[in-house]
Every structure is written in structure tokens, then in C-alpha cells.
Amino acid sequence: MTDRLGLSADEVLTTTRSVRKRLDLTRPVPRDVLVECIEIAHQSPTGSNSQRWRWMIIEEADKRQAIADIYKRNFDAYAGGNEFEPGSQQDRVHQSAIHLAENLAQVPIHVIPLLADRMDEGTPSSRQASRWGGILPAVWSFMLALRERSLGSAWTTLHLQNEREVAELLGIPYDDYSQAGLFPVAYTIGTDFKLAKRPPAEEYIRWNEWS
């Protein structure tokens, strides 16, 4: 087992952040660490005990660059004109997102989790809930395992506007697999991540009926 931070379960759950600016672009990530995190992810619950997931890990610089180019193009169209009050929470998040878009190709590892099913607009919501409900806990477990090992990531989806193009780039059978996101993975610069500011949970809870 690789070196770990020794955090409690609550600490891992509450301090696993979307990491963008604090990804170390210079430190390589060993394959065995990634495999270890995926082994942990595979212990997550999955409907019918089916494990309908695959993991595409991209190390090669030219492929990371091609994916980053797609991501940056979509990011510019999505958020390029946004402006927020300097120093505000929205502005900090926006600047962090810009940083990732501009440096994505330099992040040493890209991970694309795959669902072994083609999901599209015509897929019944019940089937979508079942399928996504199988892979998303695994992805979150992967991120938690990264955190415990001094690595970080961010859950991004902008490249999915060009999912088929990315599938062709990586040789993914498009008709058989749906991409669940793109996760840039690297060691973090420091490990002192804190709880996020969130409204009290009670504001989001309804008891027995909607009122």
C-alpha cells in the first residue's frame, strides 16, 4: 500500500475538494497508485453487483493535449465571457476553472470512467438512474482514495460535448460505452484542504411532504 495521510473517514469525506490550481503538474503519478485507487473504487455498491464500469487512463502527452484542446474550446464557449466581482466566491471558482482549462494538457494523468452501456436522450430515466447509480459511487470512491494518498482531481464534463471525437481518439467503442466525465489527476500542492462553506443541511430537507 502507498503512503497515506491517515485521515478519518469523516475527514476524507468532508475535505475531498475539486482541485484545479493546486494540482502538481511536475510530479509523475505511478501506475500502481492509480490501480490501488481503482481497486478501492471497485468496492463501491453497484446495482445487481454488475460492475458495469471501465477506466480509461491517459498518460501520453499528445493524447492529453488533444483532449485538452477539445476541453478548452468548449470551456471558452461556455464560460469565456463570464465576469464576477473580483474576490467573490464565484470569481475564485471561475479563475480556478480558467486555470484548469489553460493547463489541462500539463496534468500528468487524465482518467475517463466508462459505463458499459450507451446512454442517450432516448434512454428511459429508470434505466439511466440504475446505470449512473452504479458508476457514480465508484467514481466518488476513486476521488476519496486519491485524497487519502495526497492526490487530487476535479469532476469535469465539458469534453462530453465531443464524446464521440474523444472516443475515436482513444479507440473507445462509442456504441457500447458512455463516458462519465474527465478527471485530471495529480499530486496536490499541499494537503491542507478544508471543509467547504455550505448552507445548513436543514435548508435542503423536507420531512414527509413537500411544503
N, C-alpha and C. Protein backbone atom coordinates (compact mmCIF):
# COMPACT_ATOMS: atom_id res chain seq x y z
N MET A 1 0.84 -1.19 0.00
CA MET A 1 0.00 0.00 0.00
C MET A 1 0.88 1.25 0.00
N THR A 2 0.46 2.27 -0.71
CA THR A 2 1.22 3.51 -0.79
C THR A 2 1.04 4.33 0.50
N ASP A 3 1.91 5.33 0.67
CA ASP A 3 1.82 6.21 1.83
C ASP A 3 0.46 6.91 1.86
N ARG A 4 -0.07 7.06 3.07
CA ARG A 4 -1.39 7.66 3.21
C ARG A 4 -1.35 8.79 4.22
N LEU A 5 -2.35 9.65 4.16
CA LEU A 5 -2.41 10.79 5.06
C LEU A 5 -2.90 10.41 6.45
N GLY A 6 -3.61 9.29 6.56
CA GLY A 6 -4.12 8.88 7.86
C GLY A 6 -5.33 9.67 8.32
N LEU A 7 -6.14 10.13 7.38
CA LEU A 7 -7.34 10.89 7.71
C LEU A 7 -8.45 9.95 8.16
N SER A 8 -9.34 10.45 8.99
CA SER A 8 -10.52 9.68 9.36
C SER A 8 -11.48 9.65 8.18
N ALA A 9 -12.47 8.76 8.26
CA ALA A 9 -13.47 8.69 7.19
C ALA A 9 -14.18 10.02 7.03
N ASP A 10 -14.55 10.66 8.14
CA ASP A 10 -15.23 11.95 8.06
C ASP A 10 -14.33 13.01 7.43
N GLU A 11 -13.05 12.99 7.76
CA GLU A 11 -12.12 13.97 7.20
C GLU A 11 -11.97 13.80 5.69
N VAL A 12 -11.87 12.57 5.24
CA VAL A 12 -11.77 12.32 3.80
C VAL A 12 -13.03 12.78 3.09
N LEU A 13 -14.18 12.46 3.68
CA LEU A 13 -15.45 12.81 3.06
C LEU A 13 -15.68 14.30 2.99
N THR A 14 -15.20 15.05 3.97
CA THR A 14 -15.50 16.47 4.04
C THR A 14 -14.39 17.36 3.50
N THR A 15 -13.24 16.80 3.15
CA THR A 15 -12.15 17.63 2.63
C THR A 15 -11.67 17.20 1.25
N THR A 16 -12.42 16.33 0.60
CA THR A 16 -12.11 15.99 -0.78
C THR A 16 -12.73 17.06 -1.67
N ARG A 17 -11.89 17.93 -2.19
CA ARG A 17 -12.33 19.09 -2.95
C ARG A 17 -12.09 18.88 -4.44
N SER A 18 -12.72 19.71 -5.25
CA SER A 18 -12.36 19.82 -6.67
C SER A 18 -11.05 20.60 -6.73
N VAL A 19 -9.98 19.94 -7.14
CA VAL A 19 -8.65 20.56 -7.13
C VAL A 19 -8.28 20.94 -8.56
N ARG A 20 -7.95 22.22 -8.75
CA ARG A 20 -7.58 22.71 -10.07
C ARG A 20 -6.25 23.45 -10.02
N LYS A 21 -6.19 24.53 -9.23
CA LYS A 21 -4.96 25.32 -9.16
C LYS A 21 -3.85 24.60 -8.40
N ARG A 22 -4.21 23.71 -7.53
CA ARG A 22 -3.21 23.07 -6.67
C ARG A 22 -2.82 21.67 -7.15
N LEU A 23 -3.02 21.39 -8.41
CA LEU A 23 -2.51 20.15 -8.99
C LEU A 23 -1.04 20.34 -9.35
N ASP A 24 -0.20 19.41 -8.91
CA ASP A 24 1.24 19.48 -9.19
C ASP A 24 1.48 18.96 -10.60
N LEU A 25 1.82 19.85 -11.52
CA LEU A 25 1.99 19.49 -12.92
C LEU A 25 3.35 18.86 -13.22
N THR A 26 4.23 18.82 -12.23
CA THR A 26 5.60 18.35 -12.45
C THR A 26 5.88 16.97 -11.88
N ARG A 27 5.05 16.50 -10.98
CA ARG A 27 5.33 15.23 -10.29
C ARG A 27 4.59 14.09 -10.97
N PRO A 28 5.28 13.06 -11.40
CA PRO A 28 4.61 11.93 -12.05
C PRO A 28 3.76 11.14 -11.06
N VAL A 29 2.73 10.51 -11.58
CA VAL A 29 1.84 9.67 -10.76
C VAL A 29 2.09 8.20 -11.14
N PRO A 30 2.57 7.39 -10.21
CA PRO A 30 2.85 5.98 -10.53
C PRO A 30 1.58 5.22 -10.88
N ARG A 31 1.71 4.28 -11.79
CA ARG A 31 0.56 3.47 -12.18
C ARG A 31 0.00 2.68 -11.00
N ASP A 32 0.88 2.17 -10.14
CA ASP A 32 0.38 1.32 -9.06
C ASP A 32 -0.51 2.10 -8.09
N VAL A 33 -0.27 3.41 -7.95
CA VAL A 33 -1.14 4.22 -7.09
C VAL A 33 -2.53 4.34 -7.71
N LEU A 34 -2.59 4.54 -9.01
CA LEU A 34 -3.88 4.63 -9.69
C LEU A 34 -4.64 3.31 -9.61
N VAL A 35 -3.93 2.22 -9.82
CA VAL A 35 -4.57 0.90 -9.73
C VAL A 35 -5.11 0.67 -8.33
N GLU A 36 -4.35 1.07 -7.33
CA GLU A 36 -4.79 0.91 -5.94
C GLU A 36 -6.07 1.69 -5.69
N CYS A 37 -6.14 2.91 -6.19
CA CYS A 37 -7.34 3.72 -6.00
C CYS A 37 -8.54 3.13 -6.72
N ILE A 38 -8.31 2.56 -7.89
CA ILE A 38 -9.41 1.93 -8.62
C ILE A 38 -9.85 0.64 -7.94
N GLU A 39 -8.91 -0.10 -7.35
CA GLU A 39 -9.28 -1.29 -6.58
C GLU A 39 -10.24 -0.89 -5.45
N ILE A 40 -9.95 0.21 -4.79
CA ILE A 40 -10.83 0.69 -3.73
C ILE A 40 -12.18 1.12 -4.31
N ALA A 41 -12.14 1.80 -5.45
CA ALA A 41 -13.39 2.22 -6.09
C ALA A 41 -14.28 1.03 -6.43
N HIS A 42 -13.67 -0.09 -6.73
CA HIS A 42 -14.44 -1.27 -7.11
C HIS A 42 -15.15 -1.93 -5.94
N GLN A 43 -14.92 -1.42 -4.74
CA GLN A 43 -15.66 -1.92 -3.58
C GLN A 43 -16.96 -1.14 -3.36
N SER A 44 -17.22 -0.15 -4.19
CA SER A 44 -18.44 0.63 -4.03
C SER A 44 -19.66 -0.20 -4.43
N PRO A 45 -20.84 0.13 -3.89
CA PRO A 45 -22.05 -0.62 -4.23
C PRO A 45 -22.43 -0.41 -5.69
N THR A 46 -22.97 -1.45 -6.30
CA THR A 46 -23.37 -1.37 -7.70
C THR A 46 -24.59 -2.26 -7.93
N GLY A 47 -25.56 -1.75 -8.68
CA GLY A 47 -26.80 -2.47 -8.91
C GLY A 47 -26.58 -3.86 -9.51
N SER A 48 -27.24 -4.85 -8.95
CA SER A 48 -27.14 -6.24 -9.39
C SER A 48 -25.71 -6.77 -9.32
N ASN A 49 -24.86 -6.09 -8.54
CA ASN A 49 -23.46 -6.49 -8.40
C ASN A 49 -22.81 -6.66 -9.78
N SER A 50 -23.09 -5.69 -10.67
CA SER A 50 -22.72 -5.87 -12.07
C SER A 50 -21.38 -5.26 -12.45
N GLN A 51 -20.92 -4.22 -11.73
CA GLN A 51 -19.67 -3.54 -12.07
C GLN A 51 -19.58 -3.20 -13.56
N ARG A 52 -20.53 -2.44 -14.04
CA ARG A 52 -20.57 -2.10 -15.46
C ARG A 52 -19.71 -0.87 -15.73
N TRP A 53 -18.44 -0.94 -15.31
CA TRP A 53 -17.56 0.21 -15.50
C TRP A 53 -16.23 -0.22 -16.10
N ARG A 54 -15.59 0.72 -16.74
CA ARG A 54 -14.21 0.58 -17.23
C ARG A 54 -13.51 1.89 -16.91
N TRP A 55 -12.19 1.88 -16.96
CA TRP A 55 -11.40 3.07 -16.63
C TRP A 55 -10.37 3.30 -17.71
N MET A 56 -10.50 4.39 -18.44
CA MET A 56 -9.51 4.77 -19.45
C MET A 56 -8.55 5.76 -18.81
N ILE A 57 -7.27 5.39 -18.76
CA ILE A 57 -6.25 6.24 -18.16
C ILE A 57 -5.33 6.73 -19.28
N ILE A 58 -5.19 8.04 -19.38
CA ILE A 58 -4.41 8.63 -20.47
C ILE A 58 -3.15 9.25 -19.88
N GLU A 59 -2.01 8.68 -20.26
CA GLU A 59 -0.71 9.18 -19.84
C GLU A 59 0.01 9.93 -20.96
N GLU A 60 -0.22 9.52 -22.20
CA GLU A 60 0.55 10.04 -23.33
C GLU A 60 0.26 11.52 -23.56
N ALA A 61 1.33 12.29 -23.71
CA ALA A 61 1.21 13.75 -23.77
C ALA A 61 0.41 14.21 -24.98
N ASP A 62 0.57 13.56 -26.13
CA ASP A 62 -0.14 14.02 -27.32
C ASP A 62 -1.64 13.81 -27.18
N LYS A 63 -2.05 12.73 -26.54
CA LYS A 63 -3.47 12.49 -26.34
C LYS A 63 -4.04 13.42 -25.28
N ARG A 64 -3.27 13.68 -24.24
CA ARG A 64 -3.72 14.65 -23.24
C ARG A 64 -3.89 16.04 -23.87
N GLN A 65 -2.98 16.39 -24.77
CA GLN A 65 -3.09 17.67 -25.45
C GLN A 65 -4.34 17.74 -26.32
N ALA A 66 -4.62 16.66 -27.04
CA ALA A 66 -5.80 16.64 -27.91
C ALA A 66 -7.08 16.77 -27.09
N ILE A 67 -7.14 16.08 -25.97
CA ILE A 67 -8.31 16.17 -25.10
C ILE A 67 -8.41 17.58 -24.50
N ALA A 68 -7.28 18.13 -24.09
CA ALA A 68 -7.26 19.48 -23.52
C ALA A 68 -7.72 20.52 -24.53
N ASP A 69 -7.36 20.34 -25.79
CA ASP A 69 -7.80 21.28 -26.83
C ASP A 69 -9.32 21.27 -26.97
N ILE A 70 -9.90 20.08 -26.94
CA ILE A 70 -11.36 19.95 -27.01
C ILE A 70 -12.00 20.61 -25.79
N TYR A 71 -11.44 20.31 -24.64
CA TYR A 71 -11.98 20.87 -23.40
C TYR A 71 -11.91 22.39 -23.41
N LYS A 72 -10.76 22.94 -23.83
CA LYS A 72 -10.58 24.40 -23.82
C LYS A 72 -11.56 25.07 -24.79
N ARG A 73 -11.76 24.47 -25.94
CA ARG A 73 -12.70 25.02 -26.91
C ARG A 73 -14.11 25.09 -26.32
N ASN A 74 -14.53 24.03 -25.66
CA ASN A 74 -15.85 24.00 -25.06
C ASN A 74 -15.94 24.93 -23.85
N PHE A 75 -14.84 25.01 -23.10
CA PHE A 75 -14.82 25.90 -21.94
C PHE A 75 -14.97 27.36 -22.36
N ASP A 76 -14.25 27.75 -23.40
CA ASP A 76 -14.32 29.14 -23.87
C ASP A 76 -15.73 29.50 -24.32
N ALA A 77 -16.39 28.54 -24.98
CA ALA A 77 -17.76 28.79 -25.43
C ALA A 77 -18.73 28.87 -24.25
N TYR A 78 -18.44 28.10 -23.21
CA TYR A 78 -19.34 28.01 -22.06
C TYR A 78 -19.14 29.16 -21.07
N ALA A 79 -17.89 29.52 -20.81
CA ALA A 79 -17.61 30.45 -19.71
C ALA A 79 -16.72 31.61 -20.09
N GLY A 80 -16.35 31.71 -21.35
CA GLY A 80 -15.36 32.71 -21.74
C GLY A 80 -15.76 34.14 -21.45
N GLY A 81 -17.04 34.47 -21.53
CA GLY A 81 -17.46 35.85 -21.33
C GLY A 81 -17.93 36.18 -19.93
N ASN A 82 -17.88 35.22 -19.03
CA ASN A 82 -18.38 35.45 -17.68
C ASN A 82 -17.43 36.36 -16.89
N GLU A 83 -18.03 37.27 -16.15
CA GLU A 83 -17.26 38.13 -15.26
C GLU A 83 -17.98 38.21 -13.91
N PHE A 84 -17.19 38.16 -12.84
CA PHE A 84 -17.76 38.20 -11.50
C PHE A 84 -17.01 39.24 -10.67
N GLU A 85 -17.61 39.64 -9.58
CA GLU A 85 -16.97 40.62 -8.70
C GLU A 85 -15.63 40.09 -8.22
N PRO A 86 -14.55 40.83 -8.45
CA PRO A 86 -13.22 40.35 -8.03
C PRO A 86 -13.20 39.99 -6.55
N GLY A 87 -12.63 38.82 -6.27
CA GLY A 87 -12.52 38.37 -4.88
C GLY A 87 -13.72 37.62 -4.36
N SER A 88 -14.81 37.59 -5.11
CA SER A 88 -16.00 36.87 -4.67
C SER A 88 -15.79 35.37 -4.84
N GLN A 89 -16.65 34.59 -4.17
CA GLN A 89 -16.56 33.14 -4.29
C GLN A 89 -16.74 32.70 -5.74
N GLN A 90 -17.68 33.32 -6.44
CA GLN A 90 -17.91 32.97 -7.84
C GLN A 90 -16.67 33.28 -8.68
N ASP A 91 -16.03 34.40 -8.40
CA ASP A 91 -14.83 34.77 -9.15
C ASP A 91 -13.70 33.80 -8.87
N ARG A 92 -13.54 33.38 -7.63
CA ARG A 92 -12.46 32.43 -7.29
C ARG A 92 -12.68 31.10 -8.00
N VAL A 93 -13.91 30.63 -8.03
CA VAL A 93 -14.21 29.38 -8.74
C VAL A 93 -13.95 29.55 -10.23
N HIS A 94 -14.37 30.70 -10.77
CA HIS A 94 -14.18 30.96 -12.20
C HIS A 94 -12.70 31.01 -12.56
N GLN A 95 -11.90 31.69 -11.74
CA GLN A 95 -10.47 31.76 -12.01
C GLN A 95 -9.81 30.39 -11.89
N SER A 96 -10.30 29.59 -10.95
CA SER A 96 -9.79 28.23 -10.81
C SER A 96 -10.11 27.39 -12.05
N ALA A 97 -11.33 27.56 -12.56
CA ALA A 97 -11.74 26.83 -13.77
C ALA A 97 -10.92 27.26 -14.98
N ILE A 98 -10.65 28.56 -15.08
CA ILE A 98 -9.80 29.06 -16.17
C ILE A 98 -8.41 28.44 -16.09
N HIS A 99 -7.87 28.38 -14.89
CA HIS A 99 -6.54 27.81 -14.70
C HIS A 99 -6.50 26.36 -15.18
N LEU A 100 -7.52 25.58 -14.84
CA LEU A 100 -7.54 24.19 -15.27
C LEU A 100 -7.65 24.10 -16.79
N ALA A 101 -8.53 24.90 -17.38
CA ALA A 101 -8.70 24.86 -18.83
C ALA A 101 -7.40 25.20 -19.55
N GLU A 102 -6.62 26.12 -19.00
CA GLU A 102 -5.38 26.54 -19.64
C GLU A 102 -4.22 25.58 -19.39
N ASN A 103 -4.35 24.71 -18.38
CA ASN A 103 -3.24 23.83 -18.00
C ASN A 103 -3.58 22.35 -18.06
N LEU A 104 -4.76 22.02 -18.56
CA LEU A 104 -5.21 20.63 -18.53
C LEU A 104 -4.23 19.69 -19.20
N ALA A 105 -3.64 20.10 -20.31
CA ALA A 105 -2.71 19.22 -21.03
C ALA A 105 -1.49 18.87 -20.20
N GLN A 106 -1.15 19.72 -19.23
CA GLN A 106 0.04 19.50 -18.41
C GLN A 106 -0.22 18.60 -17.21
N VAL A 107 -1.49 18.37 -16.89
CA VAL A 107 -1.80 17.47 -15.77
C VAL A 107 -1.36 16.06 -16.17
N PRO A 108 -0.56 15.39 -15.35
CA PRO A 108 0.10 14.16 -15.79
C PRO A 108 -0.81 12.98 -16.14
N ILE A 109 -2.00 12.95 -15.53
CA ILE A 109 -2.91 11.82 -15.78
C ILE A 109 -4.31 12.35 -16.05
N HIS A 110 -4.94 11.83 -17.10
CA HIS A 110 -6.36 12.05 -17.34
C HIS A 110 -7.06 10.70 -17.16
N VAL A 111 -8.16 10.70 -16.44
CA VAL A 111 -8.93 9.47 -16.24
C VAL A 111 -10.35 9.69 -16.75
N ILE A 112 -10.81 8.78 -17.59
CA ILE A 112 -12.19 8.81 -18.08
C ILE A 112 -12.87 7.51 -17.64
N PRO A 113 -13.78 7.58 -16.65
CA PRO A 113 -14.56 6.39 -16.28
C PRO A 113 -15.61 6.12 -17.35
N LEU A 114 -15.83 4.86 -17.63
CA LEU A 114 -16.75 4.46 -18.69
C LEU A 114 -17.83 3.55 -18.14
N LEU A 115 -19.04 3.81 -18.58
CA LEU A 115 -20.18 2.95 -18.27
C LEU A 115 -20.42 2.02 -19.44
N ALA A 116 -20.50 0.74 -19.17
CA ALA A 116 -20.68 -0.25 -20.23
C ALA A 116 -22.12 -0.27 -20.71
N ASP A 117 -22.53 0.83 -21.31
CA ASP A 117 -23.87 0.99 -21.88
C ASP A 117 -23.87 2.31 -22.64
N ARG A 118 -24.61 2.39 -23.71
CA ARG A 118 -24.74 3.65 -24.43
C ARG A 118 -25.99 4.36 -23.95
N MET A 119 -25.79 5.49 -23.28
CA MET A 119 -26.90 6.27 -22.74
C MET A 119 -27.10 7.49 -23.63
N ASP A 120 -28.34 7.72 -24.04
CA ASP A 120 -28.63 8.89 -24.87
C ASP A 120 -29.98 9.48 -24.45
N GLU A 121 -30.46 10.45 -25.21
CA GLU A 121 -31.68 11.15 -24.83
C GLU A 121 -32.90 10.24 -24.81
N GLY A 122 -32.85 9.15 -25.57
CA GLY A 122 -33.99 8.26 -25.60
C GLY A 122 -33.98 7.18 -24.54
N THR A 123 -32.94 7.12 -23.71
CA THR A 123 -32.84 6.09 -22.68
C THR A 123 -33.82 6.40 -21.55
N PRO A 124 -34.69 5.44 -21.17
CA PRO A 124 -35.65 5.69 -20.09
C PRO A 124 -34.95 6.14 -18.81
N SER A 125 -35.59 7.05 -18.08
CA SER A 125 -34.97 7.60 -16.88
C SER A 125 -34.69 6.53 -15.84
N SER A 126 -35.53 5.49 -15.76
CA SER A 126 -35.30 4.43 -14.78
C SER A 126 -34.00 3.69 -15.08
N ARG A 127 -33.74 3.43 -16.36
CA ARG A 127 -32.50 2.76 -16.73
C ARG A 127 -31.31 3.67 -16.51
N GLN A 128 -31.47 4.96 -16.84
CA GLN A 128 -30.37 5.89 -16.61
C GLN A 128 -30.02 5.95 -15.13
N ALA A 129 -31.03 6.03 -14.26
CA ALA A 129 -30.79 6.10 -12.83
C ALA A 129 -30.05 4.86 -12.35
N SER A 130 -30.45 3.70 -12.86
CA SER A 130 -29.80 2.46 -12.46
C SER A 130 -28.35 2.41 -12.92
N ARG A 131 -28.12 2.78 -14.17
CA ARG A 131 -26.77 2.70 -14.74
C ARG A 131 -25.83 3.73 -14.09
N TRP A 132 -26.28 4.99 -14.05
CA TRP A 132 -25.41 6.01 -13.46
C TRP A 132 -25.24 5.77 -11.97
N GLY A 133 -26.28 5.24 -11.33
CA GLY A 133 -26.17 4.92 -9.91
C GLY A 133 -25.17 3.82 -9.61
N GLY A 134 -24.74 3.11 -10.65
CA GLY A 134 -23.71 2.10 -10.46
C GLY A 134 -22.31 2.65 -10.58
N ILE A 135 -22.09 3.59 -11.51
CA ILE A 135 -20.73 4.06 -11.73
C ILE A 135 -20.37 5.29 -10.88
N LEU A 136 -21.35 6.14 -10.56
CA LEU A 136 -21.01 7.38 -9.85
C LEU A 136 -20.47 7.13 -8.45
N PRO A 137 -21.00 6.17 -7.67
CA PRO A 137 -20.36 5.88 -6.39
C PRO A 137 -18.92 5.40 -6.55
N ALA A 138 -18.65 4.65 -7.61
CA ALA A 138 -17.28 4.18 -7.85
C ALA A 138 -16.35 5.35 -8.14
N VAL A 139 -16.84 6.31 -8.92
CA VAL A 139 -16.02 7.48 -9.26
C VAL A 139 -15.74 8.30 -8.01
N TRP A 140 -16.75 8.51 -7.17
CA TRP A 140 -16.54 9.27 -5.94
C TRP A 140 -15.57 8.54 -5.02
N SER A 141 -15.69 7.22 -4.93
CA SER A 141 -14.75 6.44 -4.11
C SER A 141 -13.33 6.59 -4.64
N PHE A 142 -13.19 6.65 -5.95
CA PHE A 142 -11.88 6.87 -6.57
C PHE A 142 -11.31 8.21 -6.12
N MET A 143 -12.12 9.25 -6.11
CA MET A 143 -11.66 10.57 -5.70
C MET A 143 -11.29 10.59 -4.21
N LEU A 144 -12.05 9.89 -3.40
CA LEU A 144 -11.73 9.80 -1.97
C LEU A 144 -10.41 9.07 -1.75
N ALA A 145 -10.20 8.01 -2.51
CA ALA A 145 -8.94 7.26 -2.40
C ALA A 145 -7.75 8.12 -2.84
N LEU A 146 -7.95 8.93 -3.88
CA LEU A 146 -6.90 9.86 -4.30
C LEU A 146 -6.55 10.81 -3.16
N ARG A 147 -7.56 11.38 -2.53
CA ARG A 147 -7.35 12.35 -1.46
C ARG A 147 -6.49 11.76 -0.34
N GLU A 148 -6.81 10.53 0.06
CA GLU A 148 -6.08 9.88 1.15
C GLU A 148 -4.62 9.64 0.79
N ARG A 149 -4.30 9.65 -0.51
CA ARG A 149 -2.94 9.39 -0.98
C ARG A 149 -2.25 10.66 -1.49
N SER A 150 -2.75 11.81 -1.07
CA SER A 150 -2.15 13.12 -1.39
C SER A 150 -2.31 13.51 -2.85
N LEU A 151 -3.30 12.92 -3.54
CA LEU A 151 -3.60 13.30 -4.90
C LEU A 151 -4.94 14.02 -4.94
N GLY A 152 -5.18 14.71 -6.04
CA GLY A 152 -6.45 15.40 -6.19
C GLY A 152 -6.96 15.32 -7.61
N SER A 153 -8.19 15.75 -7.79
CA SER A 153 -8.81 15.74 -9.11
C SER A 153 -9.98 16.70 -9.10
N ALA A 154 -10.63 16.80 -10.23
CA ALA A 154 -11.85 17.59 -10.37
C ALA A 154 -12.76 16.87 -11.35
N TRP A 155 -14.04 16.84 -11.02
CA TRP A 155 -15.01 16.15 -11.88
C TRP A 155 -15.43 17.12 -12.98
N THR A 156 -15.01 16.87 -14.20
CA THR A 156 -15.34 17.75 -15.32
C THR A 156 -16.14 16.98 -16.37
N THR A 157 -16.96 17.72 -17.12
CA THR A 157 -17.81 17.08 -18.14
C THR A 157 -17.82 17.82 -19.47
N LEU A 158 -17.09 18.93 -19.58
CA LEU A 158 -17.18 19.75 -20.79
C LEU A 158 -16.75 19.02 -22.05
N HIS A 159 -15.84 18.05 -21.93
CA HIS A 159 -15.40 17.34 -23.13
C HIS A 159 -16.51 16.46 -23.71
N LEU A 160 -17.55 16.20 -22.92
CA LEU A 160 -18.60 15.29 -23.37
C LEU A 160 -19.43 15.85 -24.52
N GLN A 161 -19.33 17.16 -24.75
CA GLN A 161 -19.97 17.71 -25.94
C GLN A 161 -19.35 17.13 -27.21
N ASN A 162 -18.15 16.59 -27.09
CA ASN A 162 -17.45 15.95 -28.19
C ASN A 162 -17.08 14.52 -27.81
N GLU A 163 -18.02 13.83 -27.17
CA GLU A 163 -17.74 12.50 -26.65
C GLU A 163 -17.30 11.54 -27.76
N ARG A 164 -17.97 11.58 -28.90
CA ARG A 164 -17.61 10.67 -29.99
C ARG A 164 -16.19 10.95 -30.49
N GLU A 165 -15.84 12.22 -30.60
CA GLU A 165 -14.49 12.58 -31.06
C GLU A 165 -13.43 12.04 -30.10
N VAL A 166 -13.68 12.17 -28.80
CA VAL A 166 -12.73 11.65 -27.81
C VAL A 166 -12.70 10.13 -27.86
N ALA A 167 -13.85 9.50 -28.05
CA ALA A 167 -13.90 8.05 -28.17
C ALA A 167 -13.05 7.57 -29.35
N GLU A 168 -13.15 8.26 -30.47
CA GLU A 168 -12.35 7.89 -31.63
C GLU A 168 -10.86 8.09 -31.37
N LEU A 169 -10.51 9.17 -30.68
CA LEU A 169 -9.12 9.44 -30.35
C LEU A 169 -8.51 8.32 -29.51
N LEU A 170 -9.31 7.76 -28.60
CA LEU A 170 -8.80 6.77 -27.65
C LEU A 170 -9.18 5.34 -28.02
N GLY A 171 -9.92 5.16 -29.11
CA GLY A 171 -10.31 3.82 -29.52
C GLY A 171 -11.40 3.22 -28.66
N ILE A 172 -12.21 4.06 -28.01
CA ILE A 172 -13.32 3.57 -27.19
C ILE A 172 -14.50 3.20 -28.09
N PRO A 173 -15.07 2.00 -27.95
CA PRO A 173 -16.25 1.63 -28.75
C PRO A 173 -17.45 2.51 -28.37
N TYR A 174 -17.73 3.51 -29.19
CA TYR A 174 -18.71 4.53 -28.84
C TYR A 174 -20.10 3.95 -28.63
N ASP A 175 -20.49 2.97 -29.41
CA ASP A 175 -21.84 2.44 -29.32
C ASP A 175 -22.04 1.56 -28.08
N ASP A 176 -20.97 1.21 -27.40
CA ASP A 176 -21.06 0.29 -26.28
C ASP A 176 -20.73 0.93 -24.92
N TYR A 177 -20.10 2.10 -24.93
CA TYR A 177 -19.66 2.71 -23.68
C TYR A 177 -20.00 4.20 -23.63
N SER A 178 -20.47 4.65 -22.47
CA SER A 178 -20.72 6.06 -22.23
C SER A 178 -19.65 6.60 -21.28
N GLN A 179 -19.09 7.75 -21.61
CA GLN A 179 -18.09 8.38 -20.76
C GLN A 179 -18.77 9.14 -19.63
N ALA A 180 -18.29 8.96 -18.42
CA ALA A 180 -18.93 9.56 -17.24
C ALA A 180 -18.30 10.88 -16.83
N GLY A 181 -17.24 11.29 -17.50
CA GLY A 181 -16.58 12.54 -17.14
C GLY A 181 -15.10 12.45 -17.49
N LEU A 182 -14.39 13.52 -17.16
CA LEU A 182 -12.95 13.58 -17.36
C LEU A 182 -12.33 14.07 -16.05
N PHE A 183 -11.37 13.31 -15.53
CA PHE A 183 -10.78 13.60 -14.23
C PHE A 183 -9.27 13.81 -14.39
N PRO A 184 -8.82 15.08 -14.30
CA PRO A 184 -7.39 15.33 -14.28
C PRO A 184 -6.84 14.91 -12.91
N VAL A 185 -5.79 14.10 -12.90
CA VAL A 185 -5.27 13.54 -11.65
C VAL A 185 -3.81 13.91 -11.48
N ALA A 186 -3.48 14.42 -10.30
CA ALA A 186 -2.09 14.74 -9.99
C ALA A 186 -1.93 14.79 -8.48
N TYR A 187 -0.68 14.73 -8.02
CA TYR A 187 -0.44 15.02 -6.61
C TYR A 187 -0.81 16.47 -6.35
N THR A 188 -1.24 16.76 -5.13
CA THR A 188 -1.64 18.12 -4.80
C THR A 188 -0.47 18.89 -4.20
N ILE A 189 -0.51 20.19 -4.39
CA ILE A 189 0.46 21.09 -3.77
C ILE A 189 -0.05 21.38 -2.37
N GLY A 190 0.47 20.68 -1.40
CA GLY A 190 -0.06 20.72 -0.04
C GLY A 190 -1.26 19.81 0.10
N THR A 191 -1.59 19.46 1.32
CA THR A 191 -2.71 18.55 1.56
C THR A 191 -3.71 19.13 2.56
N ASP A 192 -3.61 20.43 2.84
CA ASP A 192 -4.41 21.05 3.88
C ASP A 192 -5.74 21.57 3.34
N PHE A 193 -6.55 20.69 2.80
CA PHE A 193 -7.85 21.09 2.29
C PHE A 193 -8.87 21.12 3.42
N LYS A 194 -9.75 22.11 3.36
CA LYS A 194 -10.71 22.36 4.44
C LYS A 194 -12.13 22.04 4.00
N LEU A 195 -13.04 22.11 4.96
CA LEU A 195 -14.46 21.98 4.63
C LEU A 195 -14.89 23.16 3.77
N ALA A 196 -15.77 22.90 2.83
CA ALA A 196 -16.33 23.97 2.01
C ALA A 196 -17.43 24.70 2.79
N LYS A 197 -17.68 25.94 2.43
CA LYS A 197 -18.77 26.68 3.03
C LYS A 197 -20.08 26.24 2.38
N ARG A 198 -20.95 25.67 3.16
CA ARG A 198 -22.23 25.18 2.66
C ARG A 198 -23.35 25.67 3.59
N PRO A 199 -24.54 25.94 3.05
CA PRO A 199 -25.69 26.26 3.90
C PRO A 199 -26.02 25.06 4.79
N PRO A 200 -26.70 25.29 5.91
CA PRO A 200 -27.10 24.18 6.78
C PRO A 200 -27.94 23.16 6.03
N ALA A 201 -27.72 21.89 6.32
CA ALA A 201 -28.44 20.82 5.64
C ALA A 201 -29.94 20.95 5.80
N GLU A 202 -30.39 21.49 6.95
CA GLU A 202 -31.82 21.59 7.22
C GLU A 202 -32.55 22.41 6.16
N GLU A 203 -31.84 23.34 5.49
CA GLU A 203 -32.47 24.15 4.46
C GLU A 203 -32.84 23.32 3.23
N TYR A 204 -32.27 22.13 3.11
CA TYR A 204 -32.49 21.31 1.92
C TYR A 204 -33.33 20.07 2.19
N ILE A 205 -33.83 19.95 3.41
CA ILE A 205 -34.55 18.74 3.81
C ILE A 205 -36.04 19.01 3.87
N ARG A 206 -36.83 18.07 3.37
CA ARG A 206 -38.28 18.08 3.52
C ARG A 206 -38.67 16.79 4.24
N TRP A 207 -39.53 16.93 5.25
CA TRP A 207 -39.93 15.76 6.02
C TRP A 207 -41.36 15.34 5.64
N ASN A 208 -41.46 14.19 5.05
CA ASN A 208 -42.74 13.51 4.77
C ASN A 208 -43.57 14.12 3.64
N GLU A 209 -43.49 15.42 3.41
CA GLU A 209 -44.20 16.01 2.28
C GLU A 209 -43.50 17.31 1.88
N TRP A 210 -43.75 17.76 0.66
CA TRP A 210 -43.10 19.00 0.15
C TRP A 210 -43.94 20.20 0.59
N SER A 211 -43.36 21.03 1.44
CA SER A 211 -44.11 22.20 1.92
C SER A 211 -43.13 23.27 2.36
